[in-house]
Protein backbone atom coordinates (compact mmCIF):
# COMPACT_ATOMS: atom_id res chain seq x y z
CA MET A 1 132.95 92.61 105.37
CA ALA A 2 131.45 95.74 107.15
CA TYR A 3 129.88 98.14 105.27
CA SER A 4 132.55 100.47 103.05
CA ASN A 5 131.61 103.38 100.85
CA GLU A 6 135.53 103.76 99.46
CA GLU A 7 135.99 102.44 95.76
CA ARG A 8 138.74 100.17 95.49
CA TYR A 9 139.61 98.01 92.41
CA ASP A 10 141.15 94.38 91.91
CA PRO A 11 143.52 94.67 89.35
CA LYS A 12 143.23 91.78 87.75
CA THR A 13 139.54 91.91 87.65
CA THR A 14 139.58 94.95 86.25
CA GLU A 15 141.70 94.34 83.90
CA HIS A 16 139.60 91.57 82.74
CA LEU A 17 136.56 93.05 82.34
CA GLN A 18 138.51 95.92 80.63
CA ASP A 19 139.87 92.94 78.14
CA ARG A 20 135.96 92.34 77.43
CA TYR A 21 134.20 95.84 76.83
CA LYS A 22 137.14 95.80 74.42
CA ASP A 23 135.83 92.93 72.75
CA ILE A 24 131.31 94.07 73.14
CA ILE A 25 133.31 97.30 72.06
CA VAL A 26 134.61 96.02 68.73
CA SER A 27 132.07 93.80 67.99
CA VAL A 28 128.96 96.43 67.63
CA GLY A 29 131.02 98.22 65.25
CA GLU A 30 133.37 100.89 66.89
CA ASP A 31 136.17 101.89 66.80
CA VAL A 32 137.85 101.18 70.73
CA SER A 33 140.75 103.53 69.52
CA ARG A 34 139.35 106.46 68.57
CA GLU A 35 139.30 109.60 71.74
CA GLY A 36 135.70 108.81 72.57
CA LEU A 37 135.94 104.98 73.47
CA ALA A 38 139.68 105.06 74.14
CA LYS A 39 139.34 104.50 78.24
CA THR A 40 135.56 103.83 77.64
CA PRO A 41 137.17 99.97 78.71
CA GLU A 42 138.51 100.68 81.46
CA ARG A 43 135.55 103.06 83.11
CA ALA A 44 133.49 100.29 81.84
CA SER A 45 135.04 98.26 84.04
CA LYS A 46 135.30 100.21 87.27
CA ALA A 47 131.29 101.14 86.63
CA ILE A 48 130.33 97.60 86.70
CA GLN A 49 132.31 96.38 89.54
CA TYR A 50 130.83 99.51 91.23
CA LEU A 51 127.40 98.48 90.45
CA THR A 52 127.72 95.51 91.43
CA ARG A 53 130.22 95.76 95.09
CA GLY A 54 126.73 94.56 97.22
CA TYR A 55 128.40 91.00 96.10
CA ASN A 56 131.08 92.09 98.20
CA GLN A 57 129.60 92.87 101.17
CA ASP A 58 127.55 91.35 104.04
CA PRO A 59 124.36 92.91 105.03
CA VAL A 60 123.68 91.16 108.58
CA GLU A 61 126.85 91.95 109.67
CA ILE A 62 125.96 95.78 108.44
CA LEU A 63 122.62 95.51 110.92
CA LYS A 64 124.43 93.37 113.51
CA GLY A 65 126.92 96.26 113.81
CA ALA A 66 124.09 98.98 114.78
CA MET A 67 121.39 96.53 116.99
CA PHE A 68 120.82 98.09 120.60
CA LYS A 69 118.27 97.20 123.42
CA GLU A 70 115.42 98.98 123.71
CA GLU A 71 111.89 99.01 124.55
CA TYR A 72 109.90 100.70 122.32
CA SER A 73 107.73 98.45 120.24
CA GLU A 74 105.64 100.10 117.95
CA MET A 75 106.19 101.03 114.01
CA VAL A 76 109.46 101.92 112.91
CA ILE A 77 109.75 103.12 108.70
CA VAL A 78 111.53 104.34 106.98
CA LYS A 79 110.75 104.98 103.29
CA ASN A 80 111.59 107.54 99.66
CA ILE A 81 114.95 105.17 99.78
CA GLU A 82 116.61 105.67 96.82
CA LEU A 83 117.42 102.65 94.94
CA TYR A 84 119.32 101.52 91.15
CA SER A 85 120.23 98.05 90.37
CA LEU A 86 120.32 95.92 87.11
CA CYS A 87 117.87 93.92 85.97
CA GLU A 88 119.85 90.09 85.73
CA HIS A 89 117.71 89.69 82.58
CA HIS A 90 119.51 91.97 79.99
CA LEU A 91 121.56 93.84 82.31
CA LEU A 92 119.56 97.05 82.12
CA PRO A 93 119.32 99.34 84.74
CA PHE A 94 115.75 99.45 87.30
CA PHE A 95 115.47 102.64 89.67
CA GLY A 96 112.70 103.42 92.78
CA LYS A 97 111.77 103.76 95.71
CA ALA A 98 112.07 101.55 98.58
CA HIS A 99 110.55 101.81 102.05
CA ILE A 100 111.05 99.48 104.82
CA ALA A 101 109.17 99.50 108.20
CA TYR A 102 109.74 96.93 111.51
CA ILE A 103 108.29 96.39 114.81
CA PRO A 104 111.09 96.21 117.21
CA ASN A 105 110.81 93.18 119.31
CA GLY A 106 113.39 94.63 122.09
CA TYR A 107 116.07 95.64 119.33
CA ILE A 108 115.95 98.54 117.09
CA VAL A 109 118.92 99.14 114.57
CA GLY A 110 120.09 102.31 113.16
CA LEU A 111 118.09 103.82 110.57
CA SER A 112 121.13 104.84 108.35
CA LYS A 113 121.41 100.66 108.05
CA LEU A 114 118.58 100.25 106.51
CA PRO A 115 119.13 102.38 103.09
CA ARG A 116 122.41 100.66 103.41
CA ILE A 117 120.96 97.31 103.75
CA VAL A 118 118.75 98.66 100.41
CA ASP A 119 121.97 99.75 98.60
CA VAL A 120 123.90 96.21 99.01
CA PHE A 121 120.76 93.75 97.64
CA ALA A 122 120.39 96.55 94.95
CA ARG A 123 124.06 96.07 94.13
CA ARG A 124 123.81 93.24 92.42
CA PHE A 125 122.14 91.17 89.45
CA GLN A 126 118.20 91.43 90.65
CA VAL A 127 114.79 91.28 89.73
CA GLN A 128 112.40 93.54 91.89
CA GLU A 129 110.71 90.69 93.18
CA ARG A 130 113.75 88.75 94.90
CA LEU A 131 115.14 92.13 95.46
CA THR A 132 111.54 92.72 97.85
CA HIS A 133 112.04 88.83 99.63
CA GLU A 134 115.58 89.71 100.12
CA ILE A 135 115.88 92.70 102.00
CA LEU A 136 112.90 91.12 104.15
CA HIS A 137 114.46 88.07 105.17
CA CYS A 138 117.40 89.77 106.20
CA ILE A 139 115.97 92.28 108.50
CA GLN A 140 113.45 89.82 109.86
CA ASP A 141 116.44 87.01 110.09
CA THR A 142 118.72 89.25 111.77
CA MET A 143 116.45 91.82 114.06
CA GLN A 144 113.74 88.75 114.65
CA PRO A 145 110.96 91.63 115.16
CA GLN A 146 107.71 91.61 115.24
CA GLY A 147 107.03 92.15 111.22
CA VAL A 148 108.55 93.35 108.39
CA ALA A 149 107.03 95.39 105.33
CA VAL A 150 109.06 95.80 102.37
CA VAL A 151 107.75 97.74 99.17
CA ILE A 152 109.39 98.84 96.42
CA GLU A 153 108.01 100.85 93.43
CA ALA A 154 110.87 101.16 90.21
CA ALA A 155 110.69 101.80 86.79
CA HIS A 156 113.03 99.20 84.61
CA MET A 157 114.99 100.29 81.46
CA CYS A 158 114.40 96.82 79.97
CA MET A 159 110.59 97.98 79.29
CA MET A 160 111.72 101.35 78.95
CA MET A 161 114.61 101.46 76.29
CA ARG A 162 113.61 97.87 74.87
CA GLY A 163 111.16 95.87 74.19
CA VAL A 164 107.34 97.68 74.99
CA GLN A 165 108.86 100.85 75.85
CA LYS A 166 106.76 101.87 77.74
CA GLN A 167 108.26 105.00 79.43
CA ASN A 168 105.46 105.19 82.51
CA SER A 169 105.49 102.17 83.87
CA VAL A 170 106.11 101.48 87.02
CA THR A 171 106.36 98.18 88.71
CA THR A 172 105.06 97.54 92.09
CA THR A 173 106.23 95.20 94.84
CA SER A 174 105.72 94.43 98.24
CA ALA A 175 105.87 91.45 101.36
CA PHE A 176 105.58 91.11 104.78
CA THR A 177 106.16 88.98 107.92
CA GLY A 178 104.56 88.54 111.33
CA GLN A 179 102.47 91.65 112.49
CA PHE A 180 102.01 92.94 108.62
CA LYS A 181 100.33 90.16 108.03
CA VAL A 182 97.45 91.65 109.89
CA GLU A 183 95.06 93.37 107.94
CA GLU A 184 95.15 96.53 110.26
CA THR A 185 98.65 96.73 111.13
CA ARG A 186 99.16 96.54 107.21
CA GLN A 187 96.35 99.06 106.59
CA GLU A 188 98.12 101.38 108.83
CA PHE A 189 101.71 101.31 106.95
CA LEU A 190 100.39 101.37 103.95
CA ASN A 191 98.25 104.35 105.16
CA LEU A 192 101.75 106.36 106.41
CA LEU A 193 103.62 105.44 103.19
CA SER A 194 100.80 107.44 101.49
CA ALA A 195 100.58 110.29 104.34
CA ASN A 196 102.53 113.77 103.35
CA LEU A 197 104.14 114.06 106.72
CA LYS A 198 106.60 117.08 108.15
């Protein structure tokens, strides 16, 4: 399925999830009929469908839909891509930024497509490590560039709100293919990430 930002909800799925959220609200000791909670099950049902809509999107088709022949063969970087996801262990949010680079090998891709594939993979139940690799391999396998680099920095609510409750911790993951496995190229990428270019 091609990328779409339109919110659409299957009525049967919405009703099914709505009933489950009612059960959860009652189970924790709340009154699901009181004014503040009366519409919460429906809202929560639509919210979880929105937050996991990546399951219904095809990142490969998103990239293929905007690949263009071009002889450019230097590094292309899109950094500070906001991402929001749900940790699959506690279904709590983690959020941060992704930084992506690739070295073309005959094809470039429309720049907006890289943030869109980040969204596709992030809008699923995730762990940050897998998210990093899924983005990397999607770009590498689809575009066949000379190399891909992905770095993700994220804060995890499962660490901030519960458990160890460390509010200032940030998790960084990285993955590299092709030319980015060469120290010089990888260092150039990392230097450009930290540079304040305008």
